[in-house]
PDB file of N, CA and C in Angstrom:
ATOM      1  N   UNK A   1      98.159  85.116 134.683  1.00  0.00           N
ATOM      2  CA  UNK A   1      99.003  84.591 133.657  1.00  0.00           C
ATOM      3  C   UNK A   1      99.523  85.749 132.821  1.00  0.00           C
ATOM      4  N   UNK A   2     100.789  85.758 132.558  1.00  0.00           N
ATOM      5  CA  UNK A   2     101.370  86.856 131.782  1.00  0.00           C
ATOM      6  C   UNK A   2     101.779  86.365 130.393  1.00  0.00           C
ATOM      7  N   UNK A   3     101.735  87.308 129.442  1.00  0.00           N
ATOM      8  CA  UNK A   3     102.101  87.020 128.064  1.00  0.00           C
ATOM      9  C   UNK A   3     103.128  88.041 127.616  1.00  0.00           C
ATOM     10  N   UNK A   4     104.209  87.566 126.993  1.00  0.00           N
ATOM     11  CA  UNK A   4     105.247  88.464 126.485  1.00  0.00           C
ATOM     12  C   UNK A   4     105.784  87.924 125.164  1.00  0.00           C
ATOM     13  N   UNK A   5     106.541  88.782 124.465  1.00  0.00           N
ATOM     14  CA  UNK A   5     107.162  88.387 123.211  1.00  0.00           C
ATOM     15  C   UNK A   5     108.547  89.014 123.102  1.00  0.00           C
ATOM     16  N   UNK A   6     109.357  88.462 122.218  1.00  0.00           N
ATOM     17  CA  UNK A   6     110.704  88.967 121.955  1.00  0.00           C
ATOM     18  C   UNK A   6     110.980  88.718 120.479  1.00  0.00           C
ATOM     19  N   UNK A   7     111.274  89.760 119.715  1.00  0.00           N
ATOM     20  CA  UNK A   7     111.519  89.622 118.281  1.00  0.00           C
ATOM     21  C   UNK A   7     113.000  89.833 118.007  1.00  0.00           C
ATOM     22  N   UNK A   8     113.601  88.855 117.335  1.00  0.00           N
ATOM     23  CA  UNK A   8     115.023  88.926 116.997  1.00  0.00           C
ATOM     24  C   UNK A   8     115.190  88.948 115.489  1.00  0.00           C
ATOM     25  N   UNK A   9     115.886  89.955 114.993  1.00  0.00           N
ATOM     26  CA  UNK A   9     116.170  90.141 113.573  1.00  0.00           C
ATOM     27  C   UNK A   9     117.400  89.301 113.253  1.00  0.00           C
ATOM     28  N   UNK A  10     117.210  88.190 112.516  1.00  0.00           N
ATOM     29  CA  UNK A  10     118.329  87.286 112.244  1.00  0.00           C
ATOM     30  C   UNK A  10     119.253  87.797 111.143  1.00  0.00           C
ATOM     31  N   UNK A  11     118.818  88.802 110.382  1.00  0.00           N
ATOM     32  CA  UNK A  11     119.686  89.411 109.374  1.00  0.00           C
ATOM     33  C   UNK A  11     120.708  90.309 110.062  1.00  0.00           C
ATOM     34  N   UNK A  12     120.240  91.161 110.965  1.00  0.00           N
ATOM     35  CA  UNK A  12     121.118  92.090 111.675  1.00  0.00           C
ATOM     36  C   UNK A  12     121.802  91.429 112.869  1.00  0.00           C
ATOM     37  N   UNK A  13     121.246  90.300 113.321  1.00  0.00           N
ATOM     38  CA  UNK A  13     121.805  89.642 114.501  1.00  0.00           C
ATOM     39  C   UNK A  13     121.559  90.443 115.761  1.00  0.00           C
ATOM     40  N   UNK A  14     120.389  91.102 115.835  1.00  0.00           N
ATOM     41  CA  UNK A  14     120.084  91.948 116.990  1.00  0.00           C
ATOM     42  C   UNK A  14     118.579  91.960 117.242  1.00  0.00           C
ATOM     43  N   UNK A  15     118.167  92.487 118.399  1.00  0.00           N
ATOM     44  CA  UNK A  15     116.734  92.615 118.672  1.00  0.00           C
ATOM     45  C   UNK A  15     116.070  93.528 117.641  1.00  0.00           C
ATOM     46  N   UNK A  16     114.811  93.255 117.346  1.00  0.00           N
ATOM     47  CA  UNK A  16     114.041  94.049 116.388  1.00  0.00           C
ATOM     48  C   UNK A  16     113.201  95.066 117.151  1.00  0.00           C
ATOM     49  N   UNK A  17     113.708  96.275 117.260  1.00  0.00           N
ATOM     50  CA  UNK A  17     113.008  97.345 117.982  1.00  0.00           C
ATOM     51  C   UNK A  17     111.928  97.953 117.110  1.00  0.00           C
ATOM     52  N   UNK A  18     110.836  98.360 117.733  1.00  0.00           N
ATOM     53  CA  UNK A  18     109.783  99.092 117.041  1.00  0.00           C
ATOM     54  C   UNK A  18     108.875  98.264 116.147  1.00  0.00           C
ATOM     55  N   UNK A  19     108.868  96.948 116.305  1.00  0.00           N
ATOM     56  CA  UNK A  19     107.968  96.117 115.504  1.00  0.00           C
ATOM     57  C   UNK A  19     106.547  96.279 116.043  1.00  0.00           C
ATOM     58  N   UNK A  20     105.629  96.687 115.173  1.00  0.00           N
ATOM     59  CA  UNK A  20     104.231  96.842 115.572  1.00  0.00           C
ATOM     60  C   UNK A  20     103.617  95.470 115.834  1.00  0.00           C
ATOM     61  N   UNK A  21     102.811  95.407 116.890  1.00  0.00           N
ATOM     62  CA  UNK A  21     102.182  94.156 117.327  1.00  0.00           C
ATOM     63  C   UNK A  21     100.684  94.361 117.510  1.00  0.00           C
ATOM     64  N   UNK A  22      99.920  93.345 117.216  1.00  0.00           N
ATOM     65  CA  UNK A  22      98.496  93.311 117.545  1.00  0.00           C
ATOM     66  C   UNK A  22      98.229  91.988 118.238  1.00  0.00           C
ATOM     67  N   UNK A  23      97.552  92.040 119.363  1.00  0.00           N
ATOM     68  CA  UNK A  23      97.119  90.829 120.050  1.00  0.00           C
ATOM     69  C   UNK A  23      95.607  90.734 119.876  1.00  0.00           C
ATOM     70  N   UNK A  24      95.165  89.606 119.325  1.00  0.00           N
ATOM     71  CA  UNK A  24      93.739  89.387 119.075  1.00  0.00           C
ATOM     72  C   UNK A  24      93.276  88.127 119.782  1.00  0.00           C
ATOM     73  N   UNK A  25      92.037  88.137 120.214  1.00  0.00           N
ATOM     74  CA  UNK A  25      91.421  86.913 120.730  1.00  0.00           C
ATOM     75  C   UNK A  25      91.132  85.992 119.548  1.00  0.00           C
ATOM     76  N   UNK A  26      90.791  84.758 119.834  1.00  0.00           N
ATOM     77  CA  UNK A  26      90.481  83.791 118.787  1.00  0.00           C
ATOM     78  C   UNK A  26      89.346  84.220 117.886  1.00  0.00           C
ATOM     79  N   UNK A  27      88.429  85.066 118.397  1.00  0.00           N
ATOM     80  CA  UNK A  27      87.307  85.538 117.584  1.00  0.00           C
ATOM     81  C   UNK A  27      87.668  86.758 116.740  1.00  0.00           C
ATOM     82  N   UNK A  28      88.931  87.212 116.808  1.00  0.00           N
ATOM     83  CA  UNK A  28      89.399  88.344 116.015  1.00  0.00           C
ATOM     84  C   UNK A  28      89.366  89.681 116.725  1.00  0.00           C
ATOM     85  N   UNK A  29      88.771  89.748 117.915  1.00  0.00           N
ATOM     86  CA  UNK A  29      88.727  91.006 118.671  1.00  0.00           C
ATOM     87  C   UNK A  29      90.146  91.444 119.051  1.00  0.00           C
ATOM     88  N   UNK A  30      90.487  92.691 118.732  1.00  0.00           N
ATOM     89  CA  UNK A  30      91.806  93.220 119.083  1.00  0.00           C
ATOM     90  C   UNK A  30      91.828  93.527 120.579  1.00  0.00           C
ATOM     91  N   UNK A  31      92.770  92.904 121.279  1.00  0.00           N
ATOM     92  CA  UNK A  31      92.921  93.079 122.724  1.00  0.00           C
ATOM     93  C   UNK A  31      93.930  94.173 123.028  1.00  0.00           C
ATOM     94  N   UNK A  32      95.001  94.239 122.221  1.00  0.00           N
ATOM     95  CA  UNK A  32      96.057  95.219 122.470  1.00  0.00           C
ATOM     96  C   UNK A  32      96.805  95.525 121.181  1.00  0.00           C
ATOM     97  N   UNK A  33      97.278  96.769 121.076  1.00  0.00           N
ATOM     98  CA  UNK A  33      98.147  97.219 119.994  1.00  0.00           C
ATOM     99  C   UNK A  33      99.379  97.798 120.668  1.00  0.00           C
ATOM    100  N   UNK A  34     100.561  97.374 120.227  1.00  0.00           N
ATOM    101  CA  UNK A  34     101.795  97.795 120.897  1.00  0.00           C
ATOM    102  C   UNK A  34     102.947  97.734 119.907  1.00  0.00           C
ATOM    103  N   UNK A  35     104.161  97.942 120.401  1.00  0.00           N
ATOM    104  CA  UNK A  35     105.388  97.806 119.613  1.00  0.00           C
ATOM    105  C   UNK A  35     106.489  97.292 120.526  1.00  0.00           C
ATOM    106  N   UNK A  36     107.455  96.606 119.931  1.00  0.00           N
ATOM    107  CA  UNK A  36     108.579  96.113 120.724  1.00  0.00           C
ATOM    108  C   UNK A  36     109.463  97.281 121.167  1.00  0.00           C
ATOM    109  N   UNK A  37     110.109  97.116 122.324  1.00  0.00           N
ATOM    110  CA  UNK A  37     111.000  98.146 122.851  1.00  0.00           C
ATOM    111  C   UNK A  37     112.382  98.043 122.201  1.00  0.00           C
ATOM    112  N   UNK A  38     113.343  98.787 122.699  1.00  0.00           N
ATOM    113  CA  UNK A  38     114.692  98.801 122.119  1.00  0.00           C
ATOM    114  C   UNK A  38     115.381  97.438 122.172  1.00  0.00           C
ATOM    115  N   UNK A  39     114.921  96.571 123.093  1.00  0.00           N
ATOM    116  CA  UNK A  39     115.480  95.226 123.205  1.00  0.00           C
ATOM    117  C   UNK A  39     114.635  94.206 122.446  1.00  0.00           C
ATOM    118  N   UNK A  40     113.675  94.685 121.631  1.00  0.00           N
ATOM    119  CA  UNK A  40     112.836  93.790 120.841  1.00  0.00           C
ATOM    120  C   UNK A  40     111.775  93.065 121.641  1.00  0.00           C
ATOM    121  N   UNK A  41     111.468  93.561 122.835  1.00  0.00           N
ATOM    122  CA  UNK A  41     110.541  92.876 123.738  1.00  0.00           C
ATOM    123  C   UNK A  41     109.270  93.680 123.966  1.00  0.00           C
ATOM    124  N   UNK A  42     108.218  92.956 124.348  1.00  0.00           N
ATOM    125  CA  UNK A  42     106.995  93.600 124.825  1.00  0.00           C
ATOM    126  C   UNK A  42     106.274  92.635 125.754  1.00  0.00           C
ATOM    127  N   UNK A  43     105.746  93.164 126.844  1.00  0.00           N
ATOM    128  CA  UNK A  43     104.933  92.380 127.762  1.00  0.00           C
ATOM    129  C   UNK A  43     103.502  92.878 127.688  1.00  0.00           C
ATOM    130  N   UNK A  44     102.582  91.966 127.461  1.00  0.00           N
ATOM    131  CA  UNK A  44     101.166  92.303 127.420  1.00  0.00           C
ATOM    132  C   UNK A  44     100.538  92.235 128.810  1.00  0.00           C
ATOM    133  N   UNK A  45     101.315  91.827 129.800  1.00  0.00           N
ATOM    134  CA  UNK A  45     100.779  91.700 131.150  1.00  0.00           C
ATOM    135  C   UNK A  45      99.884  90.481 131.260  1.00  0.00           C
ATOM    136  N   UNK A  46      98.919  90.565 132.139  1.00  0.00           N
ATOM    137  CA  UNK A  46      98.032  89.433 132.388  1.00  0.00           C
ATOM    138  C   UNK A  46      96.954  89.331 131.317  1.00  0.00           C
ATOM    139  N   UNK A  47      96.743  88.127 130.815  1.00  0.00           N
ATOM    140  CA  UNK A  47      95.661  87.840 129.879  1.00  0.00           C
ATOM    141  C   UNK A  47      94.948  86.572 130.346  1.00  0.00           C
ATOM    142  N   UNK A  48      93.710  86.434 129.936  1.00  0.00           N
ATOM    143  CA  UNK A  48      92.903  85.276 130.325  1.00  0.00           C
ATOM    144  C   UNK A  48      93.244  84.062 129.471  1.00  0.00           C
ATOM    145  N   UNK A  49      92.881  82.889 129.963  1.00  0.00           N
ATOM    146  CA  UNK A  49      93.042  81.669 129.177  1.00  0.00           C
ATOM    147  C   UNK A  49      92.167  81.766 127.935  1.00  0.00           C
ATOM    148  N   UNK A  50      92.575  81.117 126.847  1.00  0.00           N
ATOM    149  CA  UNK A  50      91.798  81.106 125.613  1.00  0.00           C
ATOM    150  C   UNK A  50      92.689  81.085 124.393  1.00  0.00           C
ATOM    151  N   UNK A  51      92.073  81.253 123.218  1.00  0.00           N
ATOM    152  CA  UNK A  51      92.804  81.286 121.955  1.00  0.00           C
ATOM    153  C   UNK A  51      93.173  82.718 121.608  1.00  0.00           C
ATOM    154  N   UNK A  52      94.404  82.880 121.094  1.00  0.00           N
ATOM    155  CA  UNK A  52      94.908  84.203 120.727  1.00  0.00           C
ATOM    156  C   UNK A  52      95.652  84.136 119.404  1.00  0.00           C
ATOM    157  N   UNK A  53      95.813  85.310 118.803  1.00  0.00           N
ATOM    158  CA  UNK A  53      96.655  85.474 117.624  1.00  0.00           C
ATOM    159  C   UNK A  53      97.493  86.720 117.856  1.00  0.00           C
ATOM    160  N   UNK A  54      98.785  86.568 117.737  1.00  0.00           N
ATOM    161  CA  UNK A  54      99.725  87.678 117.854  1.00  0.00           C
ATOM    162  C   UNK A  54     100.237  87.972 116.449  1.00  0.00           C
ATOM    163  N   UNK A  55     100.007  89.210 115.972  1.00  0.00           N
ATOM    164  CA  UNK A  55     100.376  89.577 114.607  1.00  0.00           C
ATOM    165  C   UNK A  55     101.562  90.539 114.650  1.00  0.00           C
ATOM    166  N   UNK A  56     102.631  90.161 113.964  1.00  0.00           N
ATOM    167  CA  UNK A  56     103.861  90.941 113.911  1.00  0.00           C
ATOM    168  C   UNK A  56     103.944  91.652 112.559  1.00  0.00           C
ATOM    169  N   UNK A  57     104.141  92.968 112.543  1.00  0.00           N
ATOM    170  CA  UNK A  57     104.242  93.750 111.302  1.00  0.00           C
ATOM    171  C   UNK A  57     105.693  93.757 110.820  1.00  0.00           C
ATOM    172  N   UNK A  58     106.120  92.645 110.291  1.00  0.00           N
ATOM    173  CA  UNK A  58     107.519  92.455 109.899  1.00  0.00           C
ATOM    174  C   UNK A  58     107.871  93.227 108.631  1.00  0.00           C
ATOM    175  N   UNK A  59     106.937  93.338 107.695  1.00  0.00           N
ATOM    176  CA  UNK A  59     107.192  94.101 106.473  1.00  0.00           C
ATOM    177  C   UNK A  59     107.549  95.539 106.780  1.00  0.00           C
ATOM    178  N   UNK A  60     106.879  96.134 107.765  1.00  0.00           N
ATOM    179  CA  UNK A  60     107.194  97.504 108.173  1.00  0.00           C
ATOM    180  C   UNK A  60     108.597  97.588 108.775  1.00  0.00           C
ATOM    181  N   UNK A  61     108.958  96.601 109.564  1.00  0.00           N
ATOM    182  CA  UNK A  61     110.281  96.597 110.208  1.00  0.00           C
ATOM    183  C   UNK A  61     111.400  96.540 109.171  1.00  0.00           C
ATOM    184  N   UNK A  62     111.266  95.653 108.193  1.00  0.00           N
ATOM    185  CA  UNK A  62     112.322  95.494 107.196  1.00  0.00           C
ATOM    186  C   UNK A  62     112.202  96.483 106.042  1.00  0.00           C
ATOM    187  N   UNK A  63     111.071  97.177 105.952  1.00  0.00           N
ATOM    188  CA  UNK A  63     110.883  98.136 104.860  1.00  0.00           C
ATOM    189  C   UNK A  63     110.678  97.462 103.520  1.00  0.00           C
ATOM    190  N   UNK A  64     110.264  96.190 103.572  1.00  0.00           N
ATOM    191  CA  UNK A  64     110.063  95.427 102.342  1.00  0.00           C
ATOM    192  C   UNK A  64     108.931  94.435 102.553  1.00  0.00           C
ATOM    193  N   UNK A  65     108.099  94.310 101.554  1.00  0.00           N
ATOM    194  CA  UNK A  65     107.029  93.325 101.602  1.00  0.00           C
ATOM    195  C   UNK A  65     107.147  92.372 100.406  1.00  0.00           C
ATOM    196  N   UNK A  66     108.380  92.120  99.984  1.00  0.00           N
ATOM    197  CA  UNK A  66     108.595  91.242  98.836  1.00  0.00           C
ATOM    198  C   UNK A  66     108.130  89.828  99.127  1.00  0.00           C
ATOM    199  N   UNK A  67     108.196  89.406 100.375  1.00  0.00           N
ATOM    200  CA  UNK A  67     107.733  88.072 100.735  1.00  0.00           C
ATOM    201  C   UNK A  67     106.871  88.125 101.992  1.00  0.00           C
ATOM    202  N   UNK A  68     107.460  88.432 103.151  1.00  0.00           N
ATOM    203  CA  UNK A  68     106.693  88.493 104.400  1.00  0.00           C
ATOM    204  C   UNK A  68     106.216  89.912 104.677  1.00  0.00           C
ATOM    205  N   UNK A  69     104.988  90.029 105.137  1.00  0.00           N
ATOM    206  CA  UNK A  69     104.445  91.317 105.559  1.00  0.00           C
ATOM    207  C   UNK A  69     103.993  91.211 107.006  1.00  0.00           C
ATOM    208  N   UNK A  70     102.857  90.595 107.231  1.00  0.00           N
ATOM    209  CA  UNK A  70     102.354  90.362 108.587  1.00  0.00           C
ATOM    210  C   UNK A  70     102.527  88.885 108.908  1.00  0.00           C
ATOM    211  N   UNK A  71     103.001  88.589 110.113  1.00  0.00           N
ATOM    212  CA  UNK A  71     103.147  87.208 110.550  1.00  0.00           C
ATOM    213  C   UNK A  71     102.167  86.970 111.695  1.00  0.00           C
ATOM    214  N   UNK A  72     101.132  86.154 111.457  1.00  0.00           N
ATOM    215  CA  UNK A  72     100.207  85.809 112.536  1.00  0.00           C
ATOM    216  C   UNK A  72     100.657  84.522 113.226  1.00  0.00           C
ATOM    217  N   UNK A  73     100.677  84.536 114.542  1.00  0.00           N
ATOM    218  CA  UNK A  73     101.008  83.343 115.308  1.00  0.00           C
ATOM    219  C   UNK A  73      99.808  83.050 116.205  1.00  0.00           C
ATOM    220  N   UNK A  74      99.132  81.931 115.919  1.00  0.00           N
ATOM    221  CA  UNK A  74      97.961  81.534 116.713  1.00  0.00           C
ATOM    222  C   UNK A  74      98.399  80.543 117.776  1.00  0.00           C
ATOM    223  N   UNK A  75      97.865  80.717 118.990  1.00  0.00           N
ATOM    224  CA  UNK A  75      98.221  79.833 120.090  1.00  0.00           C
ATOM    225  C   UNK A  75      97.094  79.803 121.107  1.00  0.00           C
ATOM    226  N   UNK A  76      97.162  78.842 121.985  1.00  0.00           N
ATOM    227  CA  UNK A  76      96.162  78.684 123.039  1.00  0.00           C
ATOM    228  C   UNK A  76      96.842  78.810 124.395  1.00  0.00           C
ATOM    229  N   UNK A  77      96.235  79.592 125.243  1.00  0.00           N
ATOM    230  CA  UNK A  77      96.675  79.694 126.628  1.00  0.00           C
ATOM    231  C   UNK A  77      95.736  78.820 127.442  1.00  0.00           C
ATOM    232  N   UNK A  78      96.270  77.717 127.939  1.00  0.00           N
ATOM    233  CA  UNK A  78      95.446  76.745 128.648  1.00  0.00           C
ATOM    234  C   UNK A  78      95.522  76.910 130.154  1.00  0.00           C
ATOM    235  N   UNK A  79      96.677  77.297 130.641  1.00  0.00           N
ATOM    236  CA  UNK A  79      96.914  77.378 132.080  1.00  0.00           C
ATOM    237  C   UNK A  79      97.003  78.839 132.496  1.00  0.00           C
ATOM    238  N   UNK A  80      95.978  79.331 133.154  1.00  0.00           N
ATOM    239  CA  UNK A  80      95.933  80.719 133.576  1.00  0.00           C
ATOM    240  C   UNK A  80      96.967  81.100 134.619  1.00  0.00           C
ATOM    241  N   UNK A  81      97.660  80.122 135.179  1.00  0.00           N
ATOM    242  CA  UNK A  81      98.650  80.410 136.214  1.00  0.00           C
ATOM    243  C   UNK A  81     100.076  80.454 135.664  1.00  0.00           C
ATOM    244  N   UNK A  82     100.261  80.122 134.400  1.00  0.00           N
ATOM    245  CA  UNK A  82     101.598  80.044 133.817  1.00  0.00           C
ATOM    246  C   UNK A  82     101.982  81.314 133.077  1.00  0.00           C
ATOM    247  N   UNK A  83     103.281  81.469 132.873  1.00  0.00           N
ATOM    248  CA  UNK A  83     103.801  82.548 132.032  1.00  0.00           C
ATOM    249  C   UNK A  83     103.920  82.019 130.612  1.00  0.00           C
ATOM    250  N   UNK A  84     103.469  82.806 129.644  1.00  0.00           N
ATOM    251  CA  UNK A  84     103.593  82.443 128.239  1.00  0.00           C
ATOM    252  C   UNK A  84     104.476  83.474 127.549  1.00  0.00           C
ATOM    253  N   UNK A  85     105.466  82.976 126.808  1.00  0.00           N
ATOM    254  CA  UNK A  85     106.403  83.838 126.102  1.00  0.00           C
ATOM    255  C   UNK A  85     106.474  83.340 124.660  1.00  0.00           C
ATOM    256  N   UNK A  86     106.279  84.258 123.683  1.00  0.00           N
ATOM    257  CA  UNK A  86     106.256  83.891 122.270  1.00  0.00           C
ATOM    258  C   UNK A  86     107.386  84.617 121.546  1.00  0.00           C
ATOM    259  N   UNK A  87     108.574  84.011 121.462  1.00  0.00           N
ATOM    260  CA  UNK A  87     109.682  84.618 120.719  1.00  0.00           C
ATOM    261  C   UNK A  87     109.473  84.448 119.210  1.00  0.00           C
ATOM    262  N   UNK A  88     110.000  85.398 118.441  1.00  0.00           N
ATOM    263  CA  UNK A  88     109.962  85.310 116.985  1.00  0.00           C
ATOM    264  C   UNK A  88     111.355  85.619 116.464  1.00  0.00           C
ATOM    265  N   UNK A  89     111.954  84.662 115.763  1.00  0.00           N
ATOM    266  CA  UNK A  89     113.230  84.874 115.076  1.00  0.00           C
ATOM    267  C   UNK A  89     112.870  85.088 113.617  1.00  0.00           C
ATOM    268  N   UNK A  90     113.308  86.222 113.022  1.00  0.00           N
ATOM    269  CA  UNK A  90     112.747  86.587 111.730  1.00  0.00           C
ATOM    270  C   UNK A  90     113.756  87.255 110.799  1.00  0.00           C
ATOM    271  N   UNK A  91     113.558  87.014 109.512  1.00  0.00           N
ATOM    272  CA  UNK A  91     114.241  87.719 108.424  1.00  0.00           C
ATOM    273  C   UNK A  91     113.141  88.134 107.455  1.00  0.00           C
ATOM    274  N   UNK A  92     113.451  88.842 106.380  1.00  0.00           N
ATOM    275  CA  UNK A  92     112.401  89.178 105.412  1.00  0.00           C
ATOM    276  C   UNK A  92     111.835  87.959 104.675  1.00  0.00           C
ATOM    277  N   UNK A  93     112.497  86.787 104.799  1.00  0.00           N
ATOM    278  CA  UNK A  93     112.120  85.611 104.026  1.00  0.00           C
ATOM    279  C   UNK A  93     111.721  84.400 104.852  1.00  0.00           C
ATOM    280  N   UNK A  94     111.957  84.418 106.146  1.00  0.00           N
ATOM    281  CA  UNK A  94     111.672  83.245 106.964  1.00  0.00           C
ATOM    282  C   UNK A  94     111.497  83.632 108.424  1.00  0.00           C
ATOM    283  N   UNK A  95     110.808  82.769 109.167  1.00  0.00           N
ATOM    284  CA  UNK A  95     110.681  82.997 110.606  1.00  0.00           C
ATOM    285  C   UNK A  95     110.521  81.688 111.340  1.00  0.00           C
ATOM    286  N   UNK A  96     110.754  81.747 112.647  1.00  0.00           N
ATOM    287  CA  UNK A  96     110.577  80.606 113.527  1.00  0.00           C
ATOM    288  C   UNK A  96     110.044  81.133 114.852  1.00  0.00           C
ATOM    289  N   UNK A  97     109.188  80.357 115.466  1.00  0.00           N
ATOM    290  CA  UNK A  97     108.656  80.729 116.766  1.00  0.00           C
ATOM    291  C   UNK A  97     108.522  79.481 117.627  1.00  0.00           C
ATOM    292  N   UNK A  98     108.338  79.667 118.923  1.00  0.00           N
ATOM    293  CA  UNK A  98     108.202  78.558 119.855  1.00  0.00           C
ATOM    294  C   UNK A  98     107.645  79.120 121.159  1.00  0.00           C
ATOM    295  N   UNK A  99     107.278  78.241 122.073  1.00  0.00           N
ATOM    296  CA  UNK A  99     106.860  78.698 123.392  1.00  0.00           C
ATOM    297  C   UNK A  99     108.109  78.806 124.254  1.00  0.00           C
ATOM    298  N   UNK A 100     108.465  80.029 124.559  1.00  0.00           N
ATOM    299  CA  UNK A 100     109.661  80.276 125.373  1.00  0.00           C
ATOM    300  C   UNK A 100     109.331  80.245 126.857  1.00  0.00           C
ATOM    301  N   UNK A 101     110.321  80.599 127.636  1.00  0.00           N
ATOM    302  CA  UNK A 101     110.131  80.607 129.093  1.00  0.00           C
ATOM    303  C   UNK A 101     110.317  81.996 129.655  1.00  0.00           C
TER     304      UNK A 101
END
């Protein structure tokens, strides 16, 4: 099962490159530390089924922590044979996420 993400900066209307990411298991153990590429994407490769939290360092990306700093997205991977994609559409004041394809 593969896990990936894509961060889109809705203020600039473009991918958010260089966003620091942390992938944690449900118990808080850090599984991976990475950053989005020039297209705002990152693939974590294969991960096991279970609970995870993906933390996006959005305050660093926007250079402001007036409202949002770190955005944690908790989710469960139930099917080890499926692809999981977690897009994040974000501004310094709001965000939206969903299970992508």
